[in-house]
Amino acid sequence: MIKTVIFDIGRVLMNYDWDGHLERLFHDKETVRAVKDALFTKGVWDELDREVWSLDQIRNGFISAAPGYRTEILTAFDRLGEAFTHRPYSKDWISGLKKRGYQVLYLSNYSTYAIEANRDVLDFLPLMDGGIFSRDVKLIKPDPAIYRALIDHYHLTPAECVFIDDTEPNVEEAARQGIHAIHFIDYEQASAELEHLLNT
């Protein structure tokens, strides 16, 4: 019997559109490509989520990947909150599960910097029963240790939990931990798979 539903946050309960964000800031395709590569292909963003490095180290790490785009990289990073938007179903999805007696938690790669940049988009968090952000434990998915940290902190039985995430390696690791896992493609698909599991 499922007792706990665990959600990833980004691109599941809220949306972020880095391509659109960068295209709105910079109208040159080469600049968009260079800034995106600097932000996301060198592993520095993982360190942001892990929150071991200082913000100065993070910024310098981004810049070192494309020194010629220093100003653009800093602009994109300083304005990253503009990349986040609501998903209209999130509050109702969480509230509906809570009303049916399920514990609802989150497990998400998220830094304090990103949280502070888009608190208004995270307005569903007070509806949840808690969870773990990567910044809390200095670990990121799909490290097995972050799943165990959630299980241990909330005294969960993995077989009584279901985890919903948009990234396949994260879903696969949850399954290896004994947690029922759903790969989120869109709300209709994921909610249907969840209902099937809850009613089985």
C-alpha atoms as a PDB file:
ATOM      1  CA  MET A   1       0.000   0.000   0.000  1.00  0.00           C
ATOM      2  CA  ILE A   2       1.322   3.432  -0.940  1.00  0.00           C
ATOM      3  CA  LYS A   3       1.417   5.868   1.976  1.00  0.00           C
ATOM      4  CA  THR A   4       3.802   8.558   0.714  1.00  0.00           C
ATOM      5  CA  VAL A   5       4.056  10.417  -2.599  1.00  0.00           C
ATOM      6  CA  ILE A   6       7.435  12.046  -3.235  1.00  0.00           C
ATOM      7  CA  PHE A   7       7.733  14.737  -5.888  1.00  0.00           C
ATOM      8  CA  ASP A   8      10.639  16.207  -7.736  1.00  0.00           C
ATOM      9  CA  ILE A   9       9.950  19.923  -8.168  1.00  0.00           C
ATOM     10  CA  GLY A  10      11.539  21.331 -11.327  1.00  0.00           C
ATOM     11  CA  ARG A  11       9.541  20.487 -14.475  1.00  0.00           C
ATOM     12  CA  VAL A  12       7.111  18.488 -12.352  1.00  0.00           C
ATOM     13  CA  LEU A  13       5.434  20.902  -9.919  1.00  0.00           C
ATOM     14  CA  MET A  14       6.818  24.044 -11.554  1.00  0.00           C
ATOM     15  CA  ASN A  15       8.441  24.813 -14.875  1.00  0.00           C
ATOM     16  CA  TYR A  16      11.740  26.297 -15.859  1.00  0.00           C
ATOM     17  CA  ASP A  17      12.665  27.234 -19.390  1.00  0.00           C
ATOM     18  CA  TRP A  18      16.363  27.997 -19.673  1.00  0.00           C
ATOM     19  CA  ASP A  19      16.307  28.203 -23.463  1.00  0.00           C
ATOM     20  CA  GLY A  20      13.482  30.710 -23.431  1.00  0.00           C
ATOM     21  CA  HIS A  21      15.118  32.668 -20.606  1.00  0.00           C
ATOM     22  CA  LEU A  22      18.392  32.989 -22.489  1.00  0.00           C
ATOM     23  CA  GLU A  23      16.695  33.791 -25.788  1.00  0.00           C
ATOM     24  CA  ARG A  24      14.745  36.608 -24.127  1.00  0.00           C
ATOM     25  CA  LEU A  25      17.935  38.050 -22.657  1.00  0.00           C
ATOM     26  CA  PHE A  26      20.204  37.595 -25.675  1.00  0.00           C
ATOM     27  CA  HIS A  27      18.927  37.693 -29.220  1.00  0.00           C
ATOM     28  CA  ASP A  28      22.108  36.267 -30.721  1.00  0.00           C
ATOM     29  CA  LYS A  29      22.107  32.469 -31.142  1.00  0.00           C
ATOM     30  CA  GLU A  30      25.841  32.138 -30.553  1.00  0.00           C
ATOM     31  CA  THR A  31      25.580  34.040 -27.265  1.00  0.00           C
ATOM     32  CA  VAL A  32      22.673  31.867 -26.159  1.00  0.00           C
ATOM     33  CA  ARG A  33      24.637  28.718 -26.964  1.00  0.00           C
ATOM     34  CA  ALA A  34      27.814  29.908 -25.236  1.00  0.00           C
ATOM     35  CA  VAL A  35      26.029  31.017 -22.069  1.00  0.00           C
ATOM     36  CA  LYS A  36      23.962  27.837 -21.900  1.00  0.00           C
ATOM     37  CA  ASP A  37      27.067  25.693 -22.290  1.00  0.00           C
ATOM     38  CA  ALA A  38      28.873  27.668 -19.594  1.00  0.00           C
ATOM     39  CA  LEU A  39      25.990  27.290 -17.160  1.00  0.00           C
ATOM     40  CA  PHE A  40      25.047  23.683 -17.731  1.00  0.00           C
ATOM     41  CA  THR A  41      27.757  21.540 -19.327  1.00  0.00           C
ATOM     42  CA  LYS A  42      30.758  21.886 -17.017  1.00  0.00           C
ATOM     43  CA  GLY A  43      29.300  20.461 -13.812  1.00  0.00           C
ATOM     44  CA  VAL A  44      29.263  23.793 -11.985  1.00  0.00           C
ATOM     45  CA  TRP A  45      25.468  23.826 -11.704  1.00  0.00           C
ATOM     46  CA  ASP A  46      25.665  20.541  -9.803  1.00  0.00           C
ATOM     47  CA  GLU A  47      27.905  22.304  -7.294  1.00  0.00           C
ATOM     48  CA  LEU A  48      25.351  25.098  -7.004  1.00  0.00           C
ATOM     49  CA  ASP A  49      22.681  22.517  -6.163  1.00  0.00           C
ATOM     50  CA  ARG A  50      25.016  20.687  -3.775  1.00  0.00           C
ATOM     51  CA  GLU A  51      25.747  24.037  -2.097  1.00  0.00           C
ATOM     52  CA  VAL A  52      29.291  23.330  -0.995  1.00  0.00           C
ATOM     53  CA  TRP A  53      30.934  26.009  -3.135  1.00  0.00           C
ATOM     54  CA  SER A  54      30.418  29.708  -2.394  1.00  0.00           C
ATOM     55  CA  LEU A  55      28.436  31.806  -4.855  1.00  0.00           C
ATOM     56  CA  ASP A  56      31.669  33.519  -5.900  1.00  0.00           C
ATOM     57  CA  GLN A  57      33.155  30.109  -6.711  1.00  0.00           C
ATOM     58  CA  ILE A  58      30.026  29.236  -8.674  1.00  0.00           C
ATOM     59  CA  ARG A  59      30.143  32.455 -10.683  1.00  0.00           C
ATOM     60  CA  ASN A  60      33.860  32.029 -11.361  1.00  0.00           C
ATOM     61  CA  GLY A  61      33.256  28.437 -12.425  1.00  0.00           C
ATOM     62  CA  PHE A  62      30.670  29.554 -14.957  1.00  0.00           C
ATOM     63  CA  ILE A  63      32.890  32.341 -16.273  1.00  0.00           C
ATOM     64  CA  SER A  64      35.930  30.062 -16.610  1.00  0.00           C
ATOM     65  CA  ALA A  65      33.991  28.004 -19.148  1.00  0.00           C
ATOM     66  CA  ALA A  66      33.472  31.032 -21.434  1.00  0.00           C
ATOM     67  CA  PRO A  67      35.509  34.049 -20.273  1.00  0.00           C
ATOM     68  CA  GLY A  68      34.496  36.087 -23.309  1.00  0.00           C
ATOM     69  CA  TYR A  69      30.875  36.004 -22.156  1.00  0.00           C
ATOM     70  CA  ARG A  70      31.444  37.092 -18.567  1.00  0.00           C
ATOM     71  CA  THR A  71      28.824  39.860 -18.569  1.00  0.00           C
ATOM     72  CA  GLU A  72      26.193  37.712 -20.266  1.00  0.00           C
ATOM     73  CA  ILE A  73      26.798  34.762 -17.928  1.00  0.00           C
ATOM     74  CA  LEU A  74      26.426  36.948 -14.853  1.00  0.00           C
ATOM     75  CA  THR A  75      23.276  38.565 -16.256  1.00  0.00           C
ATOM     76  CA  ALA A  76      21.677  35.185 -16.946  1.00  0.00           C
ATOM     77  CA  PHE A  77      22.602  33.882 -13.496  1.00  0.00           C
ATOM     78  CA  ASP A  78      21.519  37.031 -11.661  1.00  0.00           C
ATOM     79  CA  ARG A  79      18.139  36.920 -13.417  1.00  0.00           C
ATOM     80  CA  LEU A  80      17.553  33.162 -13.302  1.00  0.00           C
ATOM     81  CA  GLY A  81      14.281  33.643 -11.415  1.00  0.00           C
ATOM     82  CA  GLU A  82      12.764  34.829 -14.689  1.00  0.00           C
ATOM     83  CA  ALA A  83      13.110  31.292 -16.073  1.00  0.00           C
ATOM     84  CA  PHE A  84      10.663  29.817 -13.536  1.00  0.00           C
ATOM     85  CA  THR A  85       6.887  29.688 -13.963  1.00  0.00           C
ATOM     86  CA  HIS A  86       3.898  28.084 -12.247  1.00  0.00           C
ATOM     87  CA  ARG A  87       2.250  24.868 -13.331  1.00  0.00           C
ATOM     88  CA  PRO A  88      -1.493  25.328 -12.833  1.00  0.00           C
ATOM     89  CA  TYR A  89      -2.226  21.849 -11.500  1.00  0.00           C
ATOM     90  CA  SER A  90       0.361  21.682  -8.697  1.00  0.00           C
ATOM     91  CA  LYS A  91      -1.636  22.936  -5.718  1.00  0.00           C
ATOM     92  CA  ASP A  92      -4.709  20.877  -6.565  1.00  0.00           C
ATOM     93  CA  TRP A  93      -2.602  17.765  -7.142  1.00  0.00           C
ATOM     94  CA  ILE A  94      -0.916  18.085  -3.761  1.00  0.00           C
ATOM     95  CA  SER A  95      -4.091  19.064  -1.906  1.00  0.00           C
ATOM     96  CA  GLY A  96      -6.048  16.212  -3.457  1.00  0.00           C
ATOM     97  CA  LEU A  97      -3.472  13.663  -2.331  1.00  0.00           C
ATOM     98  CA  LYS A  98      -3.363  15.150   1.158  1.00  0.00           C
ATOM     99  CA  LYS A  99      -7.143  15.012   1.498  1.00  0.00           C
ATOM    100  CA  ARG A 100      -6.980  11.308   0.685  1.00  0.00           C
ATOM    101  CA  GLY A 101      -4.556  10.758   3.543  1.00  0.00           C
ATOM    102  CA  TYR A 102      -1.252  10.505   1.706  1.00  0.00           C
ATOM    103  CA  GLN A 103       1.922  12.027   3.044  1.00  0.00           C
ATOM    104  CA  VAL A 104       3.349  14.329   0.355  1.00  0.00           C
ATOM    105  CA  LEU A 105       7.081  15.090   0.309  1.00  0.00           C
ATOM    106  CA  TYR A 106       9.614  16.571  -2.098  1.00  0.00           C
ATOM    107  CA  LEU A 107      13.099  15.437  -3.118  1.00  0.00           C
ATOM    108  CA  SER A 108      14.709  18.007  -5.370  1.00  0.00           C
ATOM    109  CA  ASN A 109      18.076  19.300  -6.517  1.00  0.00           C
ATOM    110  CA  TYR A 110      17.707  22.903  -5.421  1.00  0.00           C
ATOM    111  CA  SER A 111      20.010  25.580  -4.026  1.00  0.00           C
ATOM    112  CA  THR A 112      19.188  28.407  -1.642  1.00  0.00           C
ATOM    113  CA  TYR A 113      20.078  30.835  -4.431  1.00  0.00           C
ATOM    114  CA  ALA A 114      17.509  29.339  -6.801  1.00  0.00           C
ATOM    115  CA  ILE A 115      14.855  29.098  -4.087  1.00  0.00           C
ATOM    116  CA  GLU A 116      15.262  32.753  -3.164  1.00  0.00           C
ATOM    117  CA  ALA A 117      15.069  33.704  -6.844  1.00  0.00           C
ATOM    118  CA  ASN A 118      11.591  32.222  -7.319  1.00  0.00           C
ATOM    119  CA  ARG A 119       9.794  31.863  -3.996  1.00  0.00           C
ATOM    120  CA  ASP A 120       6.505  32.963  -5.550  1.00  0.00           C
ATOM    121  CA  VAL A 121       6.614  29.998  -7.952  1.00  0.00           C
ATOM    122  CA  LEU A 122       7.185  27.635  -5.011  1.00  0.00           C
ATOM    123  CA  ASP A 123       3.934  28.662  -3.343  1.00  0.00           C
ATOM    124  CA  PHE A 124       2.835  25.013  -3.158  1.00  0.00           C
ATOM    125  CA  LEU A 125       5.571  24.107  -0.651  1.00  0.00           C
ATOM    126  CA  PRO A 126       3.500  25.000   2.456  1.00  0.00           C
ATOM    127  CA  LEU A 127       0.928  22.423   1.343  1.00  0.00           C
ATOM    128  CA  MET A 128       3.495  19.623   1.541  1.00  0.00           C
ATOM    129  CA  ASP A 129       4.590  17.634   4.575  1.00  0.00           C
ATOM    130  CA  GLY A 130       8.257  18.402   4.073  1.00  0.00           C
ATOM    131  CA  GLY A 131      11.086  16.969   2.064  1.00  0.00           C
ATOM    132  CA  ILE A 132      14.742  17.372   1.253  1.00  0.00           C
ATOM    133  CA  PHE A 133      16.455  19.839  -1.032  1.00  0.00           C
ATOM    134  CA  SER A 134      19.949  18.994  -2.230  1.00  0.00           C
ATOM    135  CA  ARG A 135      21.254  22.040  -0.358  1.00  0.00           C
ATOM    136  CA  ASP A 136      20.027  20.522   2.927  1.00  0.00           C
ATOM    137  CA  VAL A 137      22.257  17.443   2.735  1.00  0.00           C
ATOM    138  CA  LYS A 138      24.990  18.534   0.266  1.00  0.00           C
ATOM    139  CA  LEU A 139      23.978  15.705  -2.061  1.00  0.00           C
ATOM    140  CA  ILE A 140      22.300  15.651  -5.464  1.00  0.00           C
ATOM    141  CA  LYS A 141      20.154  13.117  -7.252  1.00  0.00           C
ATOM    142  CA  PRO A 142      20.793  10.475  -8.429  1.00  0.00           C
ATOM    143  CA  ASP A 143      23.297   9.849  -5.617  1.00  0.00           C
ATOM    144  CA  PRO A 144      21.791   6.919  -3.659  1.00  0.00           C
ATOM    145  CA  ALA A 145      22.645   8.712  -0.415  1.00  0.00           C
ATOM    146  CA  ILE A 146      20.089  11.467  -0.976  1.00  0.00           C
ATOM    147  CA  TYR A 147      17.277   8.927  -1.300  1.00  0.00           C
ATOM    148  CA  ARG A 148      18.439   7.199   1.865  1.00  0.00           C
ATOM    149  CA  ALA A 149      18.589  10.559   3.637  1.00  0.00           C
ATOM    150  CA  LEU A 150      14.908  11.152   2.849  1.00  0.00           C
ATOM    151  CA  ILE A 151      13.944   7.611   3.848  1.00  0.00           C
ATOM    152  CA  ASP A 152      15.822   7.862   7.135  1.00  0.00           C
ATOM    153  CA  HIS A 153      14.672  11.366   8.038  1.00  0.00           C
ATOM    154  CA  TYR A 154      10.981  10.586   7.566  1.00  0.00           C
ATOM    155  CA  HIS A 155      11.199   6.937   8.680  1.00  0.00           C
ATOM    156  CA  LEU A 156       9.793   5.774   5.353  1.00  0.00           C
ATOM    157  CA  THR A 157       9.327   2.252   4.082  1.00  0.00           C
ATOM    158  CA  PRO A 158      10.493   2.399   0.440  1.00  0.00           C
ATOM    159  CA  ALA A 159       7.858  -0.064  -0.793  1.00  0.00           C
ATOM    160  CA  GLU A 160       5.163   2.247   0.608  1.00  0.00           C
ATOM    161  CA  CYS A 161       6.452   5.251  -1.371  1.00  0.00           C
ATOM    162  CA  VAL A 162       6.169   6.459  -4.946  1.00  0.00           C
ATOM    163  CA  PHE A 163       8.582   8.967  -6.474  1.00  0.00           C
ATOM    164  CA  ILE A 164       7.788  11.190  -9.477  1.00  0.00           C
ATOM    165  CA  ASP A 165      10.652  12.830 -11.405  1.00  0.00           C
ATOM    166  CA  ASP A 166      11.224  14.066 -14.961  1.00  0.00           C
ATOM    167  CA  THR A 167      14.807  12.765 -15.181  1.00  0.00           C
ATOM    168  CA  GLU A 168      15.259   9.084 -15.986  1.00  0.00           C
ATOM    169  CA  PRO A 169      18.454   8.436 -13.958  1.00  0.00           C
ATOM    170  CA  ASN A 170      16.717   9.847 -10.872  1.00  0.00           C
ATOM    171  CA  VAL A 171      13.714   7.592 -11.428  1.00  0.00           C
ATOM    172  CA  GLU A 172      15.938   4.574 -11.997  1.00  0.00           C
ATOM    173  CA  GLU A 173      17.848   5.169  -8.765  1.00  0.00           C
ATOM    174  CA  ALA A 174      14.612   5.520  -6.801  1.00  0.00           C
ATOM    175  CA  ALA A 175      13.551   2.130  -8.139  1.00  0.00           C
ATOM    176  CA  ARG A 176      16.894   0.645  -7.103  1.00  0.00           C
ATOM    177  CA  GLN A 177      16.190   1.941  -3.599  1.00  0.00           C
ATOM    178  CA  GLY A 178      12.943  -0.043  -3.575  1.00  0.00           C
ATOM    179  CA  ILE A 179      10.693   2.966  -4.187  1.00  0.00           C
ATOM    180  CA  HIS A 180       7.913   2.819  -6.780  1.00  0.00           C
ATOM    181  CA  ALA A 181       8.933   5.286  -9.479  1.00  0.00           C
ATOM    182  CA  ILE A 182       7.178   7.236 -12.214  1.00  0.00           C
ATOM    183  CA  HIS A 183       9.020   9.020 -15.016  1.00  0.00           C
ATOM    184  CA  PHE A 184       7.159  12.318 -15.444  1.00  0.00           C
ATOM    185  CA  ILE A 185       6.468  13.234 -19.072  1.00  0.00           C
ATOM    186  CA  ASP A 186       3.417  15.408 -18.502  1.00  0.00           C
ATOM    187  CA  TYR A 187       0.724  15.839 -15.876  1.00  0.00           C
ATOM    188  CA  GLU A 188      -1.884  13.691 -17.594  1.00  0.00           C
ATOM    189  CA  GLN A 189       0.480  10.741 -18.001  1.00  0.00           C
ATOM    190  CA  ALA A 190       2.050  10.963 -14.540  1.00  0.00           C
ATOM    191  CA  SER A 191      -1.215  11.493 -12.667  1.00  0.00           C
ATOM    192  CA  ALA A 192      -2.776   8.540 -14.505  1.00  0.00           C
ATOM    193  CA  GLU A 193       0.180   6.299 -13.617  1.00  0.00           C
ATOM    194  CA  LEU A 194       0.016   7.495 -10.028  1.00  0.00           C
ATOM    195  CA  GLU A 195      -3.703   6.791  -9.748  1.00  0.00           C
ATOM    196  CA  HIS A 196      -3.199   3.308 -11.169  1.00  0.00           C
ATOM    197  CA  LEU A 197      -0.531   2.642  -8.559  1.00  0.00           C
ATOM    198  CA  LEU A 198      -2.582   4.086  -5.691  1.00  0.00           C
ATOM    199  CA  ASN A 199      -5.590   1.993  -6.660  1.00  0.00           C
ATOM    200  CA  THR A 200      -3.700  -1.267  -7.122  1.00  0.00           C
END
